[in-house]
C-alpha atoms as a PDB file:
ATOM      1  CA  MET A   1      44.885  17.382  30.901  1.00  0.00           C
ATOM      2  CA  LYS A   2      41.997  15.230  32.111  1.00  0.00           C
ATOM      3  CA  ARG A   3      39.735  18.207  31.823  1.00  0.00           C
ATOM      4  CA  LYS A   4      40.670  18.752  28.171  1.00  0.00           C
ATOM      5  CA  ILE A   5      40.048  15.028  27.355  1.00  0.00           C
ATOM      6  CA  PHE A   6      36.665  15.208  29.018  1.00  0.00           C
ATOM      7  CA  ILE A   7      35.659  18.307  26.975  1.00  0.00           C
ATOM      8  CA  ILE A   8      36.827  16.697  23.716  1.00  0.00           C
ATOM      9  CA  TYR A   9      34.844  13.561  24.515  1.00  0.00           C
ATOM     10  CA  ILE A  10      31.681  15.601  25.079  1.00  0.00           C
ATOM     11  CA  ILE A  11      32.166  17.446  21.782  1.00  0.00           C
ATOM     12  CA  PHE A  12      32.667  14.135  19.968  1.00  0.00           C
ATOM     13  CA  MET A  13      29.433  12.682  21.385  1.00  0.00           C
ATOM     14  CA  ILE A  14      27.483  15.769  20.401  1.00  0.00           C
ATOM     15  CA  LEU A  15      28.792  15.628  16.881  1.00  0.00           C
ATOM     16  CA  SER A  16      27.966  11.869  16.641  1.00  0.00           C
ATOM     17  CA  THR A  17      24.418  12.476  17.832  1.00  0.00           C
ATOM     18  CA  THR A  18      24.016  15.300  15.309  1.00  0.00           C
ATOM     19  CA  PHE A  19      25.267  12.992  12.460  1.00  0.00           C
ATOM     20  CA  VAL A  20      22.710  10.263  13.395  1.00  0.00           C
ATOM     21  CA  TYR A  21      19.931  12.794  13.519  1.00  0.00           C
ATOM     22  CA  ALA A  22      20.881  14.095  10.049  1.00  0.00           C
ATOM     23  CA  ASN A  23      20.628  10.568   8.642  1.00  0.00           C
ATOM     24  CA  SER A  24      17.248  10.014  10.288  1.00  0.00           C
ATOM     25  CA  VAL A  25      15.578  12.683   8.188  1.00  0.00           C
ATOM     26  CA  ALA A  26      16.253  10.664   4.970  1.00  0.00           C
ATOM     27  CA  SER A  27      13.773   7.962   4.007  1.00  0.00           C
ATOM     28  CA  ILE A  28      12.492   5.890   1.103  1.00  0.00           C
ATOM     29  CA  THR A  29       9.071   4.164   1.342  1.00  0.00           C
ATOM     30  CA  LEU A  30       6.775   2.053  -0.811  1.00  0.00           C
ATOM     31  CA  ASN A  31       3.122   2.947  -1.315  1.00  0.00           C
ATOM     32  CA  SER A  32       0.454   0.894  -3.112  1.00  0.00           C
ATOM     33  CA  SER A  33      -2.601   2.267  -4.862  1.00  0.00           C
ATOM     34  CA  SER A  34      -4.580  -0.676  -3.446  1.00  0.00           C
ATOM     35  CA  ASN A  35      -3.811  -3.271  -0.807  1.00  0.00           C
ATOM     36  CA  SER A  36      -6.550  -5.689  -2.068  1.00  0.00           C
ATOM     37  CA  VAL A  37      -6.861  -6.616  -5.772  1.00  0.00           C
ATOM     38  CA  LYS A  38      -8.601  -9.278  -7.772  1.00  0.00           C
ATOM     39  CA  LYS A  39      -7.266 -11.596 -10.482  1.00  0.00           C
ATOM     40  CA  GLY A  40      -6.714  -9.710 -13.746  1.00  0.00           C
ATOM     41  CA  GLU A  41      -6.665  -6.255 -12.051  1.00  0.00           C
ATOM     42  CA  THR A  42      -3.721  -3.838 -12.212  1.00  0.00           C
ATOM     43  CA  PHE A  43      -2.346  -1.670  -9.408  1.00  0.00           C
ATOM     44  CA  LYS A  44       0.513   0.797  -8.937  1.00  0.00           C
ATOM     45  CA  VAL A  45       3.331   0.842  -6.414  1.00  0.00           C
ATOM     46  CA  VAL A  46       5.201   4.168  -5.918  1.00  0.00           C
ATOM     47  CA  LEU A  47       8.602   4.565  -4.393  1.00  0.00           C
ATOM     48  CA  HIS A  48       8.695   7.829  -2.427  1.00  0.00           C
ATOM     49  CA  GLY A  49      11.817   9.618  -1.106  1.00  0.00           C
ATOM     50  CA  LYS A  50      12.555  12.307   1.462  1.00  0.00           C
ATOM     51  CA  CYS A  51      15.805  13.988   2.406  1.00  0.00           C
ATOM     52  CA  ALA A  52      16.299  17.380   4.146  1.00  0.00           C
ATOM     53  CA  ASP A  53      19.620  17.882   2.328  1.00  0.00           C
ATOM     54  CA  GLY A  54      18.139  17.225  -1.066  1.00  0.00           C
ATOM     55  CA  ILE A  55      17.904  14.056  -3.198  1.00  0.00           C
ATOM     56  CA  ASN A  56      20.657  13.661  -5.784  1.00  0.00           C
ATOM     57  CA  GLY A  57      19.677  10.058  -6.617  1.00  0.00           C
ATOM     58  CA  PHE A  58      19.405   6.544  -5.167  1.00  0.00           C
ATOM     59  CA  SER A  59      20.216   2.929  -5.924  1.00  0.00           C
ATOM     60  CA  ALA A  60      18.323  -0.231  -4.929  1.00  0.00           C
ATOM     61  CA  ASN A  61      17.171  -3.719  -5.928  1.00  0.00           C
ATOM     62  CA  TYR A  62      13.496  -4.672  -6.240  1.00  0.00           C
ATOM     63  CA  SER A  63      11.767  -8.004  -6.092  1.00  0.00           C
ATOM     64  CA  TYR A  64       8.174  -9.308  -6.349  1.00  0.00           C
ATOM     65  CA  ASP A  65       6.221 -12.603  -6.507  1.00  0.00           C
ATOM     66  CA  SER A  66       6.638 -13.294 -10.250  1.00  0.00           C
ATOM     67  CA  ASP A  67       4.543 -16.465 -10.034  1.00  0.00           C
ATOM     68  CA  TYR A  68       1.383 -14.462  -9.366  1.00  0.00           C
ATOM     69  CA  LEU A  69       2.334 -10.940 -10.421  1.00  0.00           C
ATOM     70  CA  GLU A  70       3.154  -9.614 -13.917  1.00  0.00           C
ATOM     71  CA  LEU A  71       5.255  -6.435 -14.115  1.00  0.00           C
ATOM     72  CA  VAL A  72       3.533  -4.279 -16.707  1.00  0.00           C
ATOM     73  CA  ASN A  73       5.683  -1.170 -16.469  1.00  0.00           C
ATOM     74  CA  ALA A  74       8.610   0.219 -14.327  1.00  0.00           C
ATOM     75  CA  THR A  75       9.695   3.821 -14.827  1.00  0.00           C
ATOM     76  CA  VAL A  76      10.589   7.063 -13.076  1.00  0.00           C
ATOM     77  CA  CYS A  77       7.653   9.187 -11.882  1.00  0.00           C
ATOM     78  CA  ASP A  78       8.795  12.351 -13.619  1.00  0.00           C
ATOM     79  CA  SER A  79      11.256  12.133 -16.532  1.00  0.00           C
ATOM     80  CA  ASN A  80      11.965  15.844 -16.167  1.00  0.00           C
ATOM     81  CA  LYS A  81      13.399  15.284 -12.685  1.00  0.00           C
ATOM     82  CA  TRP A  82      14.737  11.701 -12.717  1.00  0.00           C
ATOM     83  CA  SER A  83      16.416   9.157 -14.993  1.00  0.00           C
ATOM     84  CA  ASN A  84      16.973   5.463 -14.332  1.00  0.00           C
ATOM     85  CA  LEU A  85      20.284   3.965 -15.435  1.00  0.00           C
ATOM     86  CA  GLY A  86      19.659   0.555 -13.847  1.00  0.00           C
ATOM     87  CA  VAL A  87      18.988  -2.671 -15.702  1.00  0.00           C
ATOM     88  CA  ASN A  88      16.871  -5.760 -14.864  1.00  0.00           C
ATOM     89  CA  ASN A  89      15.796  -5.564 -11.236  1.00  0.00           C
ATOM     90  CA  GLU A  90      18.397  -2.880 -10.353  1.00  0.00           C
ATOM     91  CA  LEU A  91      17.502   0.802  -9.888  1.00  0.00           C
ATOM     92  CA  ALA A  92      20.093   3.530 -10.390  1.00  0.00           C
ATOM     93  CA  VAL A  93      18.058   6.796 -10.449  1.00  0.00           C
ATOM     94  CA  ILE A  94      19.798  10.159 -10.814  1.00  0.00           C
ATOM     95  CA  CYS A  95      18.389  13.665 -10.573  1.00  0.00           C
ATOM     96  CA  ASN A  96      18.069  15.747 -13.786  1.00  0.00           C
ATOM     97  CA  SER A  97      16.828  18.889 -12.071  1.00  0.00           C
ATOM     98  CA  SER A  98      19.121  21.720 -10.930  1.00  0.00           C
ATOM     99  CA  SER A  99      16.644  22.559  -8.166  1.00  0.00           C
ATOM    100  CA  LYS A 100      16.850  21.077  -4.704  1.00  0.00           C
ATOM    101  CA  ILE A 101      14.336  18.249  -4.273  1.00  0.00           C
ATOM    102  CA  THR A 102      13.645  17.192  -0.692  1.00  0.00           C
ATOM    103  CA  ASP A 103      10.303  15.338  -1.046  1.00  0.00           C
ATOM    104  CA  SER A 104       9.222  13.578  -4.202  1.00  0.00           C
ATOM    105  CA  ASN A 105       7.818  10.452  -5.837  1.00  0.00           C
ATOM    106  CA  LEU A 106      10.855   8.821  -7.459  1.00  0.00           C
ATOM    107  CA  PHE A 107       9.862   5.589  -9.196  1.00  0.00           C
ATOM    108  CA  GLU A 108       6.715   3.634  -9.952  1.00  0.00           C
ATOM    109  CA  PHE A 109       5.765   0.036 -10.811  1.00  0.00           C
ATOM    110  CA  ILE A 110       2.546  -1.165 -12.415  1.00  0.00           C
ATOM    111  CA  PHE A 111       1.626  -4.826 -11.713  1.00  0.00           C
ATOM    112  CA  ARG A 112      -1.173  -7.068 -12.996  1.00  0.00           C
ATOM    113  CA  VAL A 113      -2.478 -10.019 -10.930  1.00  0.00           C
ATOM    114  CA  LYS A 114      -2.189 -13.271 -12.881  1.00  0.00           C
ATOM    115  CA  ASP A 115      -5.169 -15.560 -13.189  1.00  0.00           C
ATOM    116  CA  THR A 116      -3.181 -18.273 -11.424  1.00  0.00           C
ATOM    117  CA  ALA A 117      -2.990 -16.186  -8.219  1.00  0.00           C
ATOM    118  CA  LYS A 118      -4.488 -17.842  -5.124  1.00  0.00           C
ATOM    119  CA  GLU A 119      -7.371 -15.952  -3.599  1.00  0.00           C
ATOM    120  CA  GLU A 120      -6.833 -14.412  -0.130  1.00  0.00           C
ATOM    121  CA  SER A 121      -3.038 -14.933  -0.465  1.00  0.00           C
ATOM    122  CA  LYS A 122      -0.578 -12.130   0.341  1.00  0.00           C
ATOM    123  CA  LEU A 123       2.002 -11.128  -2.285  1.00  0.00           C
ATOM    124  CA  GLU A 124       5.230  -9.340  -1.327  1.00  0.00           C
ATOM    125  CA  ILE A 125       6.837  -6.447  -3.162  1.00  0.00           C
ATOM    126  CA  ALA A 126      10.191  -5.341  -1.731  1.00  0.00           C
ATOM    127  CA  ILE A 127      13.203  -3.104  -2.323  1.00  0.00           C
ATOM    128  CA  SER A 128      16.617  -3.775  -0.740  1.00  0.00           C
ATOM    129  CA  ASN A 129      20.213  -2.455  -0.691  1.00  0.00           C
ATOM    130  CA  ILE A 130      18.893   1.127  -0.709  1.00  0.00           C
ATOM    131  CA  ILE A 131      21.475   3.926  -0.771  1.00  0.00           C
ATOM    132  CA  LEU A 132      20.260   7.501  -1.103  1.00  0.00           C
ATOM    133  CA  ASP A 133      22.683  10.084  -2.474  1.00  0.00           C
ATOM    134  CA  SER A 134      22.019  13.494  -0.899  1.00  0.00           C
ATOM    135  CA  ASP A 135      23.183  16.911  -2.138  1.00  0.00           C
ATOM    136  CA  LYS A 136      25.764  17.192   0.654  1.00  0.00           C
ATOM    137  CA  SER A 137      29.322  17.693  -0.541  1.00  0.00           C
ATOM    138  CA  THR A 138      30.727  15.130   1.953  1.00  0.00           C
ATOM    139  CA  ASP A 139      29.241  11.940   3.379  1.00  0.00           C
ATOM    140  CA  SER A 140      26.379  12.180   0.945  1.00  0.00           C
ATOM    141  CA  ASN A 141      25.517   8.482   0.808  1.00  0.00           C
ATOM    142  CA  ILE A 142      22.883   7.408   3.325  1.00  0.00           C
ATOM    143  CA  ASN A 143      21.923   3.747   3.808  1.00  0.00           C
ATOM    144  CA  ILE A 144      18.197   3.188   4.104  1.00  0.00           C
ATOM    145  CA  GLU A 145      16.512   0.113   5.615  1.00  0.00           C
ATOM    146  CA  ASN A 146      14.885  -2.415   3.330  1.00  0.00           C
ATOM    147  CA  GLN A 147      11.209  -1.696   2.481  1.00  0.00           C
ATOM    148  CA  LYS A 148       8.371  -4.068   1.676  1.00  0.00           C
ATOM    149  CA  ILE A 149       4.617  -4.094   1.255  1.00  0.00           C
ATOM    150  CA  PHE A 150       1.950  -6.857   0.920  1.00  0.00           C
ATOM    151  CA  VAL A 151      -0.990  -7.004  -1.452  1.00  0.00           C
ATOM    152  CA  THR A 152      -3.887  -9.370  -0.762  1.00  0.00           C
ATOM    153  CA  ILE A 153      -5.644 -11.212  -3.565  1.00  0.00           C
ATOM    154  CA  ALA A 154      -9.421 -10.640  -3.017  1.00  0.00           C
ATOM    155  CA  LYS A 155     -12.073 -13.323  -3.641  1.00  0.00           C
ATOM    156  CA  ASN A 156     -14.126 -12.959  -6.835  1.00  0.00           C
ATOM    157  CA  VAL A 157     -17.789 -12.660  -5.755  1.00  0.00           C
ATOM    158  CA  SER A 158     -20.366 -13.822  -8.302  1.00  0.00           C
ATOM    159  CA  THR A 159     -23.043 -11.201  -9.048  1.00  0.00           C
ATOM    160  CA  ASP A 160     -25.358 -13.392 -11.243  1.00  0.00           C
ATOM    161  CA  ASN A 161     -28.950 -13.155 -10.052  1.00  0.00           C
ATOM    162  CA  LYS A 162     -31.299 -16.125 -10.520  1.00  0.00           C
ATOM    163  CA  PRO A 163     -35.115 -16.184 -10.495  1.00  0.00           C
ATOM    164  CA  ASN A 164     -36.853 -17.393  -7.348  1.00  0.00           C
ATOM    165  CA  THR A 165     -37.843 -20.990  -7.819  1.00  0.00           C
ATOM    166  CA  ASN A 166     -39.519 -21.485  -4.434  1.00  0.00           C
ATOM    167  CA  ASN A 167     -42.915 -20.560  -5.818  1.00  0.00           C
ATOM    168  CA  PRO A 168     -43.206 -21.499  -9.511  1.00  0.00           C
ATOM    169  CA  SER A 169     -46.477 -19.704  -9.821  1.00  0.00           C
ATOM    170  CA  GLU A 170     -44.772 -16.363  -9.376  1.00  0.00           C
ATOM    171  CA  ASN A 171     -42.782 -16.802 -12.578  1.00  0.00           C
ATOM    172  CA  LYS A 172     -45.718 -17.957 -14.750  1.00  0.00           C
ATOM    173  CA  PRO A 173     -47.346 -15.214 -16.810  1.00  0.00           C
ATOM    174  CA  GLY A 174     -51.080 -14.680 -16.506  1.00  0.00           C
ATOM    175  CA  THR A 175     -51.405 -16.282 -13.057  1.00  0.00           C
ATOM    176  CA  SER A 176     -52.916 -14.413 -10.185  1.00  0.00           C
ATOM    177  CA  VAL A 177     -51.394 -15.152  -6.813  1.00  0.00           C
ATOM    178  CA  ASP A 178     -54.504 -14.324  -4.866  1.00  0.00           C
ATOM    179  CA  ASN A 179     -57.012 -16.106  -7.058  1.00  0.00           C
ATOM    180  CA  PRO A 180     -55.689 -18.212  -9.913  1.00  0.00           C
ATOM    181  CA  SER A 181     -59.240 -18.921 -11.146  1.00  0.00           C
ATOM    182  CA  ASN A 182     -59.601 -15.284 -12.232  1.00  0.00           C
ATOM    183  CA  ASN A 183     -57.566 -16.068 -15.312  1.00  0.00           C
ATOM    184  CA  THR A 184     -59.917 -18.851 -16.543  1.00  0.00           C
ATOM    185  CA  PRO A 185     -62.190 -17.463 -19.398  1.00  0.00           C
ATOM    186  CA  GLU A 186     -65.964 -17.438 -18.678  1.00  0.00           C
ATOM    187  CA  GLN A 187     -68.323 -19.266 -21.031  1.00  0.00           C
ATOM    188  CA  GLY A 188     -69.726 -17.088 -23.744  1.00  0.00           C
ATOM    189  CA  SER A 189     -67.352 -14.246 -23.023  1.00  0.00           C
ATOM    190  CA  ASN A 190     -64.576 -12.781 -25.131  1.00  0.00           C
ATOM    191  CA  SER A 191     -61.513 -14.907 -24.353  1.00  0.00           C
ATOM    192  CA  ASN A 192     -59.157 -12.235 -25.739  1.00  0.00           C
ATOM    193  CA  VAL A 193     -60.077  -9.934 -22.857  1.00  0.00           C
ATOM    194  CA  ASN A 194     -60.208 -12.442 -19.977  1.00  0.00           C
ATOM    195  CA  ASN A 195     -56.926 -14.131 -20.889  1.00  0.00           C
ATOM    196  CA  LYS A 196     -54.851 -10.966 -20.504  1.00  0.00           C
ATOM    197  CA  PRO A 197     -52.364 -11.230 -17.674  1.00  0.00           C
ATOM    198  CA  GLU A 198     -53.149  -9.036 -14.702  1.00  0.00           C
ATOM    199  CA  GLN A 199     -50.941  -5.928 -14.545  1.00  0.00           C
ATOM    200  CA  GLY A 200     -48.696  -5.267 -11.599  1.00  0.00           C
ATOM    201  CA  ILE A 201     -48.198  -8.956 -10.660  1.00  0.00           C
ATOM    202  CA  ASN A 202     -46.104 -10.676 -13.369  1.00  0.00           C
ATOM    203  CA  ASN A 203     -43.698  -7.747 -13.885  1.00  0.00           C
ATOM    204  CA  THR A 204     -42.648  -7.749 -10.225  1.00  0.00           C
ATOM    205  CA  SER A 205     -42.962 -11.435  -9.336  1.00  0.00           C
ATOM    206  CA  SER A 206     -40.909 -12.719 -12.274  1.00  0.00           C
ATOM    207  CA  LYS A 207     -38.006 -10.489 -11.488  1.00  0.00           C
ATOM    208  CA  PRO A 208     -34.897 -12.238 -10.106  1.00  0.00           C
ATOM    209  CA  GLN A 209     -34.633 -12.089  -6.401  1.00  0.00           C
ATOM    210  CA  SER A 210     -31.775  -9.799  -5.406  1.00  0.00           C
ATOM    211  CA  GLY A 211     -30.322  -8.582  -2.219  1.00  0.00           C
ATOM    212  CA  THR A 212     -28.263 -11.506  -1.147  1.00  0.00           C
ATOM    213  CA  ASN A 213     -25.360 -11.059  -3.507  1.00  0.00           C
ATOM    214  CA  SER A 214     -25.229  -7.317  -3.155  1.00  0.00           C
ATOM    215  CA  SER A 215     -24.873  -7.548   0.607  1.00  0.00           C
ATOM    216  CA  ASN A 216     -22.086 -10.072   0.163  1.00  0.00           C
ATOM    217  CA  ILE A 217     -20.293  -7.673  -2.206  1.00  0.00           C
ATOM    218  CA  THR A 218     -20.562  -4.855   0.299  1.00  0.00           C
ATOM    219  CA  SER A 219     -19.278  -7.028   3.084  1.00  0.00           C
ATOM    220  CA  ASN A 220     -16.364  -8.279   1.004  1.00  0.00           C
ATOM    221  CA  SER A 221     -15.274  -4.919  -0.166  1.00  0.00           C
ATOM    222  CA  SER A 222     -15.397  -3.409   3.308  1.00  0.00           C
ATOM    223  CA  SER A 223     -13.393  -6.299   4.780  1.00  0.00           C
ATOM    224  CA  SER A 224     -10.703  -5.882   2.140  1.00  0.00           C
ATOM    225  CA  ALA A 225     -10.138  -2.157   2.703  1.00  0.00           C
ATOM    226  CA  ALA A 226      -6.526  -1.281   3.442  1.00  0.00           C
ATOM    227  CA  THR A 227      -5.665   0.328   6.715  1.00  0.00           C
ATOM    228  CA  GLY A 228      -2.560   2.124   7.965  1.00  0.00           C
ATOM    229  CA  LYS A 229       0.504   3.469   6.307  1.00  0.00           C
ATOM    230  CA  ILE A 230       3.775   1.951   5.424  1.00  0.00           C
ATOM    231  CA  PRO A 231       6.173   2.320   8.349  1.00  0.00           C
ATOM    232  CA  GLN A 232       9.051   4.753   7.986  1.00  0.00           C
ATOM    233  CA  THR A 233      12.697   3.774   8.543  1.00  0.00           C
ATOM    234  CA  GLY A 234      13.928   2.995  12.000  1.00  0.00           C
ATOM    235  CA  SER A 235      16.517   5.743  12.167  1.00  0.00           C
ATOM    236  CA  ASN A 236      14.547   7.700  14.742  1.00  0.00           C
ATOM    237  CA  ILE A 237      14.832   4.763  17.178  1.00  0.00           C
ATOM    238  CA  THR A 238      18.578   4.567  16.537  1.00  0.00           C
ATOM    239  CA  PHE A 239      18.880   8.290  17.287  1.00  0.00           C
ATOM    240  CA  ILE A 240      17.114   7.865  20.623  1.00  0.00           C
ATOM    241  CA  PHE A 241      19.414   4.974  21.664  1.00  0.00           C
ATOM    242  CA  VAL A 242      22.530   6.912  20.648  1.00  0.00           C
ATOM    243  CA  LEU A 243      21.342   9.962  22.557  1.00  0.00           C
ATOM    244  CA  ILE A 244      20.655   7.929  25.742  1.00  0.00           C
ATOM    245  CA  GLY A 245      24.044   6.212  25.423  1.00  0.00           C
ATOM    246  CA  SER A 246      25.742   9.561  25.032  1.00  0.00           C
ATOM    247  CA  LEU A 247      24.125  10.997  28.102  1.00  0.00           C
ATOM    248  CA  ILE A 248      25.125   7.891  30.183  1.00  0.00           C
ATOM    249  CA  ALA A 249      28.710   8.108  28.886  1.00  0.00           C
ATOM    250  CA  MET A 250      28.837  11.803  29.704  1.00  0.00           C
ATOM    251  CA  PHE A 251      27.586  11.205  33.242  1.00  0.00           C
ATOM    252  CA  VAL A 252      30.084   8.390  33.896  1.00  0.00           C
ATOM    253  CA  SER A 253      32.907  10.521  32.479  1.00  0.00           C
ATOM    254  CA  PHE A 254      31.890  13.363  34.807  1.00  0.00           C
ATOM    255  CA  LEU A 255      31.935  11.080  37.850  1.00  0.00           C
ATOM    256  CA  LEU A 256      35.393   9.793  36.923  1.00  0.00           C
ATOM    257  CA  TYR A 257      36.615  13.314  36.499  1.00  0.00           C
ATOM    258  CA  ARG A 258      35.274  14.325  39.910  1.00  0.00           C
ATOM    259  CA  LYS A 259      36.908  11.314  41.501  1.00  0.00           C
ATOM    260  CA  TYR A 260      40.212  12.020  39.797  1.00  0.00           C
ATOM    261  CA  LYS A 261      40.067  15.695  40.826  1.00  0.00           C
ATOM    262  CA  ASP A 262      39.412  14.762  44.531  1.00  0.00           C
ATOM    263  CA  ILE A 263      42.411  12.444  44.463  1.00  0.00           C
ATOM    264  CA  ILE A 264      44.651  15.171  43.150  1.00  0.00           C
END
């Protein structure tokens, strides 16, 4: 009798582990077209889904910092595959296709940064209460962990170039840097010829000094580059813990069975 109970327990643990693994292959993530934007700019956030058993639809709630972000548009990525039945900040997306879809962009948001947004601040965009409906005939609903991303408001760098005022003589037409007296007309000579500005000096010296602002722009854009990907759901970690717990339980059960058998 004890032997049968032990075998049933092992089968139960194996089935439980398989069920957790099946849930771990389903995920929904958020991806932004840019992680650093300026005031007045728009950017896109895409909700992406994966499920080995096929995606029949999903439901969720979304939120964002409405004080600094304006929602320009919210719609399904492909109207031939998906339809949204949700209202306000609720999503209720169903599949229109008869084909099995295991990996697809599901929904997209387009945001514009308001002029009141604070520079270098991080704005949060999140989805919660996520339930993915797979194509399985039973136990099709899969709970997905809440997802969020952050978008940084970049500083606006001025690109206006101003003339160099350190040496006023450089910006005055008709003045030679090497010898200013060359531009003074000689007595008895034709003043129309001598008063012409020397070529090659004024055109270059009167140009605005550049180089400082462009280096700042390059430094700013490189420092605001986004790195890394949005983390996946934590189901894989759950699977590892369940598997370890199952192995420990199996080992303890085996020891108890041996002990009981020796007593008999």
